[in-house]
Amino acid sequence: GKGYSVSGLKKEIPGILGIDRPLRVAIVGAGNLGMALLSYRGFREQGFSIVAAFDNDQRKIGGRFRDVVIQDIAELAAAVRTKKIEMAVVAVPAAAAATAITALIRARVGAILNFAPVRLQVPSTVELINIDLSIELEKLAHFLRRTDRHREPIAGSSGGPHAKRKR
């Protein structure tokens, strides 16, 4: 009918998405991916506050990135309680993922984003989202394979195998 009040809807969206308050997040795994995630400033802009990071590498434990100290994974349960952590991002090798996710579940973290290339079962009280970058790249490769025959070179470009179509 008459549409929506854009300004009113814009104010309501954060509540609908559950980001109308800062959400406290932990990073499990302080390797390359974990450190990249710690350095990403966009999380705070979206209402996600990275309040803790964990690893099992003694060389990394005690290190600091901005205002986050990397803690021993053995301290995870206590930190979840004291820092009121609600969400976690798992950025560990596949072999360590089950242990990390089990520790998060036992600590009562309710939402987990898993970057390890493994699929695990979790209780229905936990939301687990798996991101496998290799599979996502395979999807893109398939897209390129499917569309290569239909692409035209961009005016003024060499028109290589992945040139974009004119619009």
N, C-alpha and C. Protein backbone atom coordinates (compact mmCIF):
# COMPACT_ATOMS: atom_id res chain seq x y z
N GLY A 1 0.77 -1.18 0.00
CA GLY A 1 0.00 0.00 0.00
C GLY A 1 0.82 1.26 0.00
N LYS A 2 1.01 1.79 1.19
CA LYS A 2 1.61 3.12 1.30
C LYS A 2 3.12 3.07 1.50
N GLY A 3 3.69 1.91 1.69
CA GLY A 3 5.14 1.81 1.87
C GLY A 3 5.53 1.97 3.34
N TYR A 4 6.81 2.09 3.55
CA TYR A 4 7.37 2.18 4.89
C TYR A 4 7.98 3.54 5.13
N SER A 5 7.98 3.93 6.39
CA SER A 5 8.73 5.11 6.78
C SER A 5 10.19 4.70 6.84
N VAL A 6 11.00 5.20 5.92
CA VAL A 6 12.39 4.79 5.83
C VAL A 6 13.13 5.10 7.12
N SER A 7 12.96 6.29 7.67
CA SER A 7 13.67 6.65 8.90
C SER A 7 13.22 5.77 10.06
N GLY A 8 11.94 5.46 10.14
CA GLY A 8 11.44 4.60 11.21
C GLY A 8 11.96 3.18 11.07
N LEU A 9 11.96 2.68 9.84
CA LEU A 9 12.45 1.33 9.58
C LEU A 9 13.94 1.24 9.89
N LYS A 10 14.68 2.26 9.51
CA LYS A 10 16.12 2.29 9.77
C LYS A 10 16.42 2.20 11.26
N LYS A 11 15.59 2.81 12.07
CA LYS A 11 15.77 2.75 13.53
C LYS A 11 15.42 1.38 14.09
N GLU A 12 14.50 0.67 13.44
CA GLU A 12 14.04 -0.63 13.94
C GLU A 12 14.92 -1.80 13.52
N ILE A 13 15.63 -1.66 12.41
CA ILE A 13 16.42 -2.78 11.87
C ILE A 13 17.43 -3.32 12.88
N PRO A 14 18.20 -2.49 13.59
CA PRO A 14 19.14 -3.07 14.56
C PRO A 14 18.45 -3.96 15.61
N GLY A 15 17.28 -3.57 16.07
CA GLY A 15 16.55 -4.40 17.03
C GLY A 15 16.09 -5.71 16.42
N ILE A 16 15.66 -5.65 15.18
CA ILE A 16 15.22 -6.85 14.48
C ILE A 16 16.39 -7.81 14.30
N LEU A 17 17.56 -7.28 13.97
CA LEU A 17 18.74 -8.10 13.75
C LEU A 17 19.43 -8.52 15.05
N GLY A 18 19.05 -7.90 16.16
CA GLY A 18 19.69 -8.24 17.43
C GLY A 18 21.01 -7.53 17.65
N ILE A 19 21.23 -6.43 16.92
CA ILE A 19 22.48 -5.69 17.08
C ILE A 19 22.22 -4.28 17.62
N ASP A 20 21.16 -4.16 18.41
CA ASP A 20 20.81 -2.87 18.99
C ASP A 20 21.58 -2.60 20.28
N ARG A 21 22.49 -3.50 20.62
CA ARG A 21 23.36 -3.33 21.77
C ARG A 21 24.69 -3.96 21.39
N PRO A 22 25.77 -3.53 22.03
CA PRO A 22 27.06 -4.15 21.69
C PRO A 22 27.06 -5.65 22.03
N LEU A 23 27.51 -6.46 21.11
CA LEU A 23 27.64 -7.89 21.34
C LEU A 23 29.10 -8.21 21.58
N ARG A 24 29.35 -8.96 22.64
CA ARG A 24 30.72 -9.27 23.05
C ARG A 24 31.17 -10.58 22.40
N VAL A 25 32.29 -10.49 21.68
CA VAL A 25 32.76 -11.58 20.84
C VAL A 25 34.18 -11.98 21.23
N ALA A 26 34.46 -13.29 21.14
CA ALA A 26 35.82 -13.81 21.33
C ALA A 26 36.31 -14.40 20.02
N ILE A 27 37.61 -14.30 19.81
CA ILE A 27 38.27 -14.95 18.69
C ILE A 27 39.06 -16.13 19.28
N VAL A 28 38.82 -17.32 18.75
CA VAL A 28 39.57 -18.50 19.19
C VAL A 28 40.52 -18.88 18.06
N GLY A 29 41.80 -18.71 18.33
CA GLY A 29 42.83 -18.94 17.33
C GLY A 29 43.47 -17.62 16.96
N ALA A 30 44.71 -17.42 17.35
CA ALA A 30 45.40 -16.16 17.10
C ALA A 30 46.47 -16.32 16.03
N GLY A 31 46.18 -17.14 15.03
CA GLY A 31 47.07 -17.27 13.88
C GLY A 31 46.80 -16.16 12.89
N ASN A 32 47.13 -16.39 11.64
CA ASN A 32 46.97 -15.34 10.62
C ASN A 32 45.52 -14.87 10.50
N LEU A 33 44.59 -15.81 10.38
CA LEU A 33 43.19 -15.43 10.23
C LEU A 33 42.66 -14.76 11.50
N GLY A 34 42.97 -15.33 12.65
CA GLY A 34 42.52 -14.74 13.91
C GLY A 34 43.02 -13.32 14.09
N MET A 35 44.27 -13.09 13.76
CA MET A 35 44.83 -11.74 13.90
C MET A 35 44.21 -10.78 12.88
N ALA A 36 43.94 -11.28 11.69
CA ALA A 36 43.27 -10.43 10.70
C ALA A 36 41.89 -10.03 11.19
N LEU A 37 41.18 -10.97 11.79
CA LEU A 37 39.85 -10.67 12.33
C LEU A 37 39.95 -9.68 13.49
N LEU A 38 40.94 -9.85 14.34
CA LEU A 38 41.14 -8.90 15.45
C LEU A 38 41.41 -7.49 14.93
N SER A 39 42.07 -7.38 13.80
CA SER A 39 42.43 -6.05 13.29
C SER A 39 41.31 -5.38 12.50
N TYR A 40 40.26 -6.13 12.18
CA TYR A 40 39.18 -5.58 11.36
C TYR A 40 38.33 -4.60 12.16
N ARG A 41 38.37 -3.34 11.79
CA ARG A 41 37.65 -2.29 12.53
C ARG A 41 36.15 -2.28 12.26
N GLY A 42 35.72 -2.93 11.19
CA GLY A 42 34.31 -2.92 10.83
C GLY A 42 33.41 -3.61 11.85
N PHE A 43 33.96 -4.55 12.63
CA PHE A 43 33.13 -5.22 13.63
C PHE A 43 32.54 -4.22 14.62
N ARG A 44 33.38 -3.35 15.13
CA ARG A 44 32.92 -2.36 16.12
C ARG A 44 31.85 -1.45 15.52
N GLU A 45 32.03 -1.06 14.28
CA GLU A 45 31.06 -0.19 13.61
C GLU A 45 29.70 -0.87 13.49
N GLN A 46 29.68 -2.20 13.43
CA GLN A 46 28.44 -2.95 13.32
C GLN A 46 27.91 -3.40 14.69
N GLY A 47 28.57 -3.02 15.76
CA GLY A 47 28.08 -3.35 17.09
C GLY A 47 28.67 -4.61 17.69
N PHE A 48 29.76 -5.12 17.12
CA PHE A 48 30.43 -6.30 17.66
C PHE A 48 31.73 -5.87 18.31
N SER A 49 31.85 -6.19 19.58
CA SER A 49 33.04 -5.80 20.34
C SER A 49 33.89 -7.04 20.60
N ILE A 50 35.08 -7.09 20.00
CA ILE A 50 36.00 -8.20 20.25
C ILE A 50 36.64 -7.95 21.61
N VAL A 51 36.28 -8.77 22.58
CA VAL A 51 36.74 -8.55 23.95
C VAL A 51 37.77 -9.56 24.43
N ALA A 52 38.00 -10.62 23.65
CA ALA A 52 38.96 -11.64 24.07
C ALA A 52 39.47 -12.40 22.86
N ALA A 53 40.67 -12.94 23.01
CA ALA A 53 41.25 -13.83 22.00
C ALA A 53 41.97 -14.95 22.75
N PHE A 54 41.92 -16.13 22.16
CA PHE A 54 42.48 -17.31 22.83
C PHE A 54 43.33 -18.10 21.84
N ASP A 55 44.35 -18.76 22.40
CA ASP A 55 45.20 -19.64 21.60
C ASP A 55 45.84 -20.64 22.55
N ASN A 56 46.45 -21.69 21.99
CA ASN A 56 47.15 -22.65 22.84
C ASN A 56 48.66 -22.57 22.63
N ASP A 57 49.12 -21.65 21.80
CA ASP A 57 50.54 -21.46 21.53
C ASP A 57 51.13 -20.54 22.60
N GLN A 58 52.02 -21.09 23.40
CA GLN A 58 52.61 -20.32 24.50
C GLN A 58 53.35 -19.07 24.01
N ARG A 59 53.82 -19.08 22.77
CA ARG A 59 54.51 -17.90 22.24
C ARG A 59 53.55 -16.75 21.97
N LYS A 60 52.28 -17.06 21.77
CA LYS A 60 51.28 -16.03 21.49
C LYS A 60 50.57 -15.55 22.74
N ILE A 61 50.44 -16.44 23.72
CA ILE A 61 49.69 -16.12 24.95
C ILE A 61 50.39 -14.98 25.68
N GLY A 62 49.60 -14.01 26.08
CA GLY A 62 50.13 -12.82 26.75
C GLY A 62 50.40 -11.68 25.78
N GLY A 63 50.44 -12.00 24.51
CA GLY A 63 50.60 -10.95 23.51
C GLY A 63 49.36 -10.06 23.49
N ARG A 64 49.52 -8.89 22.99
CA ARG A 64 48.41 -7.93 22.99
C ARG A 64 48.20 -7.42 21.57
N PHE A 65 46.95 -7.29 21.21
CA PHE A 65 46.59 -6.64 19.96
C PHE A 65 45.57 -5.57 20.30
N ARG A 66 45.97 -4.32 20.13
CA ARG A 66 45.18 -3.19 20.60
C ARG A 66 44.85 -3.42 22.07
N ASP A 67 43.58 -3.49 22.42
CA ASP A 67 43.23 -3.64 23.84
C ASP A 67 42.87 -5.08 24.20
N VAL A 68 43.18 -6.04 23.34
CA VAL A 68 42.85 -7.45 23.59
C VAL A 68 44.13 -8.22 23.86
N VAL A 69 44.18 -8.89 25.03
CA VAL A 69 45.30 -9.74 25.38
C VAL A 69 44.96 -11.17 24.97
N ILE A 70 45.89 -11.83 24.31
CA ILE A 70 45.66 -13.22 23.91
C ILE A 70 45.84 -14.10 25.14
N GLN A 71 44.79 -14.85 25.43
CA GLN A 71 44.77 -15.70 26.62
C GLN A 71 44.93 -17.17 26.25
N ASP A 72 45.33 -17.95 27.23
CA ASP A 72 45.41 -19.40 27.06
C ASP A 72 44.00 -19.94 26.88
N ILE A 73 43.82 -20.86 25.95
CA ILE A 73 42.51 -21.46 25.71
C ILE A 73 41.95 -22.09 26.98
N ALA A 74 42.81 -22.49 27.90
CA ALA A 74 42.36 -23.08 29.16
C ALA A 74 41.58 -22.07 30.01
N GLU A 75 41.74 -20.79 29.72
CA GLU A 75 41.04 -19.73 30.47
C GLU A 75 39.71 -19.35 29.83
N LEU A 76 39.32 -20.04 28.77
CA LEU A 76 38.14 -19.65 28.01
C LEU A 76 36.87 -19.60 28.86
N ALA A 77 36.56 -20.65 29.59
CA ALA A 77 35.29 -20.70 30.34
C ALA A 77 35.20 -19.55 31.35
N ALA A 78 36.27 -19.29 32.06
CA ALA A 78 36.25 -18.20 33.04
C ALA A 78 36.09 -16.85 32.35
N ALA A 79 36.77 -16.68 31.23
CA ALA A 79 36.67 -15.41 30.51
C ALA A 79 35.28 -15.20 29.94
N VAL A 80 34.65 -16.27 29.46
CA VAL A 80 33.28 -16.14 28.94
C VAL A 80 32.36 -15.61 30.02
N ARG A 81 32.52 -16.13 31.24
CA ARG A 81 31.68 -15.65 32.36
C ARG A 81 32.01 -14.21 32.73
N THR A 82 33.28 -13.91 32.96
CA THR A 82 33.64 -12.58 33.45
C THR A 82 33.46 -11.48 32.41
N LYS A 83 33.70 -11.81 31.14
CA LYS A 83 33.59 -10.81 30.08
C LYS A 83 32.24 -10.84 29.37
N LYS A 84 31.37 -11.73 29.84
CA LYS A 84 30.02 -11.86 29.27
C LYS A 84 30.05 -12.03 27.75
N ILE A 85 30.86 -12.97 27.31
CA ILE A 85 31.02 -13.25 25.88
C ILE A 85 29.81 -14.04 25.39
N GLU A 86 29.20 -13.57 24.31
CA GLU A 86 28.01 -14.21 23.76
C GLU A 86 28.27 -14.95 22.46
N MET A 87 29.28 -14.49 21.73
CA MET A 87 29.57 -15.04 20.41
C MET A 87 31.06 -15.32 20.31
N ALA A 88 31.40 -16.25 19.40
CA ALA A 88 32.82 -16.53 19.17
C ALA A 88 33.05 -16.81 17.70
N VAL A 89 34.26 -16.50 17.27
CA VAL A 89 34.72 -16.83 15.93
C VAL A 89 35.86 -17.82 16.10
N VAL A 90 35.72 -18.98 15.46
CA VAL A 90 36.75 -20.02 15.54
C VAL A 90 37.62 -19.93 14.30
N ALA A 91 38.91 -19.67 14.53
CA ALA A 91 39.88 -19.52 13.44
C ALA A 91 41.08 -20.41 13.74
N VAL A 92 40.81 -21.70 13.91
CA VAL A 92 41.86 -22.67 14.25
C VAL A 92 41.97 -23.69 13.12
N PRO A 93 43.08 -24.45 13.09
CA PRO A 93 43.17 -25.53 12.09
C PRO A 93 42.07 -26.57 12.29
N ALA A 94 41.76 -27.30 11.24
CA ALA A 94 40.68 -28.30 11.28
C ALA A 94 40.84 -29.27 12.44
N ALA A 95 42.07 -29.70 12.71
CA ALA A 95 42.31 -30.69 13.76
C ALA A 95 41.96 -30.16 15.16
N ALA A 96 41.94 -28.84 15.34
CA ALA A 96 41.66 -28.25 16.65
C ALA A 96 40.23 -27.74 16.77
N ALA A 97 39.47 -27.78 15.70
CA ALA A 97 38.14 -27.17 15.69
C ALA A 97 37.17 -27.83 16.67
N ALA A 98 37.12 -29.14 16.69
CA ALA A 98 36.18 -29.83 17.57
C ALA A 98 36.44 -29.49 19.03
N THR A 99 37.71 -29.46 19.43
CA THR A 99 38.06 -29.12 20.81
C THR A 99 37.65 -27.69 21.13
N ALA A 100 37.94 -26.77 20.21
CA ALA A 100 37.60 -25.36 20.44
C ALA A 100 36.10 -25.16 20.53
N ILE A 101 35.35 -25.77 19.63
CA ILE A 101 33.89 -25.60 19.62
C ILE A 101 33.27 -26.26 20.85
N THR A 102 33.77 -27.41 21.24
CA THR A 102 33.27 -28.07 22.45
C THR A 102 33.51 -27.19 23.68
N ALA A 103 34.69 -26.58 23.76
CA ALA A 103 34.99 -25.68 24.88
C ALA A 103 34.04 -24.48 24.89
N LEU A 104 33.73 -23.94 23.73
CA LEU A 104 32.80 -22.81 23.65
C LEU A 104 31.40 -23.22 24.06
N ILE A 105 30.97 -24.40 23.64
CA ILE A 105 29.64 -24.88 24.02
C ILE A 105 29.57 -25.09 25.53
N ARG A 106 30.58 -25.72 26.10
CA ARG A 106 30.61 -25.94 27.56
C ARG A 106 30.62 -24.62 28.33
N ALA A 107 31.24 -23.61 27.74
CA ALA A 107 31.29 -22.29 28.39
C ALA A 107 29.99 -21.51 28.18
N ARG A 108 29.06 -22.09 27.42
CA ARG A 108 27.74 -21.51 27.15
C ARG A 108 27.76 -20.31 26.21
N VAL A 109 28.65 -20.38 25.22
CA VAL A 109 28.62 -19.39 24.15
C VAL A 109 27.51 -19.83 23.20
N GLY A 110 26.60 -18.92 22.89
CA GLY A 110 25.40 -19.29 22.16
C GLY A 110 25.48 -19.21 20.65
N ALA A 111 26.51 -18.53 20.11
CA ALA A 111 26.61 -18.35 18.67
C ALA A 111 28.07 -18.44 18.26
N ILE A 112 28.34 -19.29 17.27
CA ILE A 112 29.73 -19.54 16.86
C ILE A 112 29.83 -19.44 15.34
N LEU A 113 30.82 -18.68 14.88
CA LEU A 113 31.15 -18.60 13.46
C LEU A 113 32.44 -19.41 13.28
N ASN A 114 32.37 -20.49 12.52
CA ASN A 114 33.48 -21.43 12.40
C ASN A 114 34.15 -21.31 11.03
N PHE A 115 35.42 -20.93 11.02
CA PHE A 115 36.19 -20.85 9.79
C PHE A 115 36.99 -22.12 9.53
N ALA A 116 37.02 -23.04 10.48
CA ALA A 116 37.76 -24.30 10.26
C ALA A 116 36.97 -25.15 9.27
N PRO A 117 37.67 -25.81 8.34
CA PRO A 117 36.97 -26.58 7.31
C PRO A 117 36.48 -27.95 7.81
N VAL A 118 35.64 -27.91 8.83
CA VAL A 118 35.03 -29.13 9.38
C VAL A 118 33.57 -28.84 9.68
N ARG A 119 32.75 -29.86 9.64
CA ARG A 119 31.33 -29.75 9.96
C ARG A 119 31.09 -30.51 11.26
N LEU A 120 30.56 -29.84 12.25
CA LEU A 120 30.34 -30.45 13.55
C LEU A 120 28.89 -30.30 13.97
N GLN A 121 28.41 -31.24 14.74
CA GLN A 121 27.06 -31.18 15.30
C GLN A 121 27.13 -30.42 16.62
N VAL A 122 26.17 -29.54 16.84
CA VAL A 122 26.10 -28.80 18.10
C VAL A 122 24.68 -28.90 18.64
N PRO A 123 24.51 -28.65 19.94
CA PRO A 123 23.15 -28.69 20.51
C PRO A 123 22.26 -27.63 19.85
N SER A 124 20.96 -27.84 19.92
CA SER A 124 20.02 -26.90 19.31
C SER A 124 20.04 -25.53 19.99
N THR A 125 20.64 -25.44 21.16
CA THR A 125 20.73 -24.16 21.87
C THR A 125 21.89 -23.30 21.37
N VAL A 126 22.67 -23.84 20.45
CA VAL A 126 23.84 -23.13 19.91
C VAL A 126 23.65 -22.95 18.40
N GLU A 127 23.89 -21.75 17.93
CA GLU A 127 23.86 -21.50 16.49
C GLU A 127 25.29 -21.55 15.98
N LEU A 128 25.55 -22.45 15.06
CA LEU A 128 26.87 -22.61 14.47
C LEU A 128 26.78 -22.34 12.98
N ILE A 129 27.58 -21.40 12.50
CA ILE A 129 27.65 -21.11 11.08
C ILE A 129 29.05 -21.45 10.62
N ASN A 130 29.13 -22.29 9.59
CA ASN A 130 30.41 -22.73 9.04
C ASN A 130 30.74 -21.93 7.79
N ILE A 131 31.96 -21.42 7.75
CA ILE A 131 32.46 -20.72 6.58
C ILE A 131 33.70 -21.48 6.11
N ASP A 132 33.60 -22.12 4.97
CA ASP A 132 34.75 -22.83 4.40
C ASP A 132 35.20 -22.04 3.18
N LEU A 133 36.30 -21.32 3.32
CA LEU A 133 36.76 -20.44 2.25
C LEU A 133 37.09 -21.21 0.98
N SER A 134 37.57 -22.44 1.10
CA SER A 134 37.86 -23.24 -0.09
C SER A 134 36.59 -23.52 -0.89
N ILE A 135 35.53 -23.86 -0.19
CA ILE A 135 34.26 -24.14 -0.88
C ILE A 135 33.72 -22.87 -1.53
N GLU A 136 33.85 -21.75 -0.85
CA GLU A 136 33.37 -20.49 -1.42
C GLU A 136 34.17 -20.14 -2.69
N LEU A 137 35.48 -20.39 -2.66
CA LEU A 137 36.28 -20.15 -3.87
C LEU A 137 35.90 -21.12 -4.98
N GLU A 138 35.58 -22.37 -4.62
CA GLU A 138 35.13 -23.33 -5.63
C GLU A 138 33.84 -22.85 -6.29
N LYS A 139 32.94 -22.26 -5.50
CA LYS A 139 31.70 -21.72 -6.07
C LYS A 139 32.01 -20.62 -7.07
N LEU A 140 32.96 -19.76 -6.72
CA LEU A 140 33.33 -18.69 -7.64
C LEU A 140 34.00 -19.24 -8.90
N ALA A 141 34.85 -20.26 -8.73
CA ALA A 141 35.48 -20.88 -9.89
C ALA A 141 34.43 -21.48 -10.81
N HIS A 142 33.42 -22.11 -10.23
CA HIS A 142 32.34 -22.68 -11.02
C HIS A 142 31.59 -21.58 -11.78
N PHE A 143 31.35 -20.47 -11.09
CA PHE A 143 30.70 -19.33 -11.75
C PHE A 143 31.52 -18.88 -12.95
N LEU A 144 32.83 -18.74 -12.76
CA LEU A 144 33.68 -18.30 -13.86
C LEU A 144 33.66 -19.29 -15.01
N ARG A 145 33.72 -20.57 -14.69
CA ARG A 145 33.70 -21.60 -15.73
C ARG A 145 32.40 -21.53 -16.52
N ARG A 146 31.30 -21.34 -15.80
CA ARG A 146 29.97 -21.32 -16.42
C ARG A 146 29.78 -20.09 -17.29
N THR A 147 30.41 -18.98 -16.94
CA THR A 147 30.14 -17.72 -17.64
C THR A 147 31.24 -17.30 -18.60
N ASP A 148 32.39 -17.96 -18.61
CA ASP A 148 33.50 -17.55 -19.49
C ASP A 148 33.10 -17.47 -20.95
N ARG A 149 32.30 -18.40 -21.43
CA ARG A 149 31.92 -18.41 -22.84
C ARG A 149 31.04 -17.22 -23.21
N HIS A 150 30.41 -16.61 -22.23
CA HIS A 150 29.44 -15.56 -22.50
C HIS A 150 29.99 -14.16 -22.23
N ARG A 151 31.24 -14.06 -21.88
CA ARG A 151 31.80 -12.75 -21.54
C ARG A 151 32.37 -12.07 -22.78
N GLU A 152 32.18 -10.77 -22.82
CA GLU A 152 32.76 -9.96 -23.88
C GLU A 152 33.85 -9.12 -23.27
N PRO A 153 34.89 -8.78 -24.01
CA PRO A 153 35.94 -7.92 -23.47
C PRO A 153 35.39 -6.54 -23.12
N ILE A 154 35.94 -5.95 -22.10
CA ILE A 154 35.61 -4.57 -21.74
C ILE A 154 36.32 -3.67 -22.72
N ALA A 155 35.63 -2.62 -23.18
CA ALA A 155 36.24 -1.70 -24.14
C ALA A 155 37.57 -1.20 -23.59
N GLY A 156 38.61 -1.28 -24.40
CA GLY A 156 39.92 -0.79 -24.00
C GLY A 156 40.72 -1.77 -23.16
N SER A 157 40.19 -2.97 -22.89
CA SER A 157 40.96 -3.94 -22.10
C SER A 157 41.46 -5.04 -23.01
N SER A 158 42.34 -5.84 -22.47
CA SER A 158 42.88 -6.95 -23.25
C SER A 158 41.85 -8.05 -23.43
N GLY A 159 40.79 -8.00 -22.61
CA GLY A 159 39.72 -9.00 -22.75
C GLY A 159 40.13 -10.38 -22.33
N GLY A 160 41.02 -10.49 -21.36
CA GLY A 160 41.48 -11.79 -20.87
C GLY A 160 40.34 -12.72 -20.51
N PRO A 161 40.65 -13.89 -20.03
CA PRO A 161 39.61 -14.91 -19.82
C PRO A 161 38.56 -14.51 -18.80
N HIS A 162 38.82 -13.52 -17.97
CA HIS A 162 37.85 -13.16 -16.93
C HIS A 162 37.38 -11.71 -17.07
N ALA A 163 37.45 -11.18 -18.25
CA ALA A 163 37.00 -9.81 -18.47
C ALA A 163 35.51 -9.71 -18.24
N LYS A 164 35.07 -8.57 -17.76
CA LYS A 164 33.65 -8.38 -17.47
C LYS A 164 32.87 -8.03 -18.72
N ARG A 165 31.61 -8.41 -18.71
CA ARG A 165 30.69 -8.13 -19.79
C ARG A 165 30.35 -6.64 -19.85
N LYS A 166 30.10 -6.13 -21.04
CA LYS A 166 29.61 -4.75 -21.18
C LYS A 166 28.20 -4.69 -20.65
N ARG A 167 27.83 -3.54 -20.14
CA ARG A 167 26.44 -3.37 -19.66
C ARG A 167 25.75 -2.31 -20.44
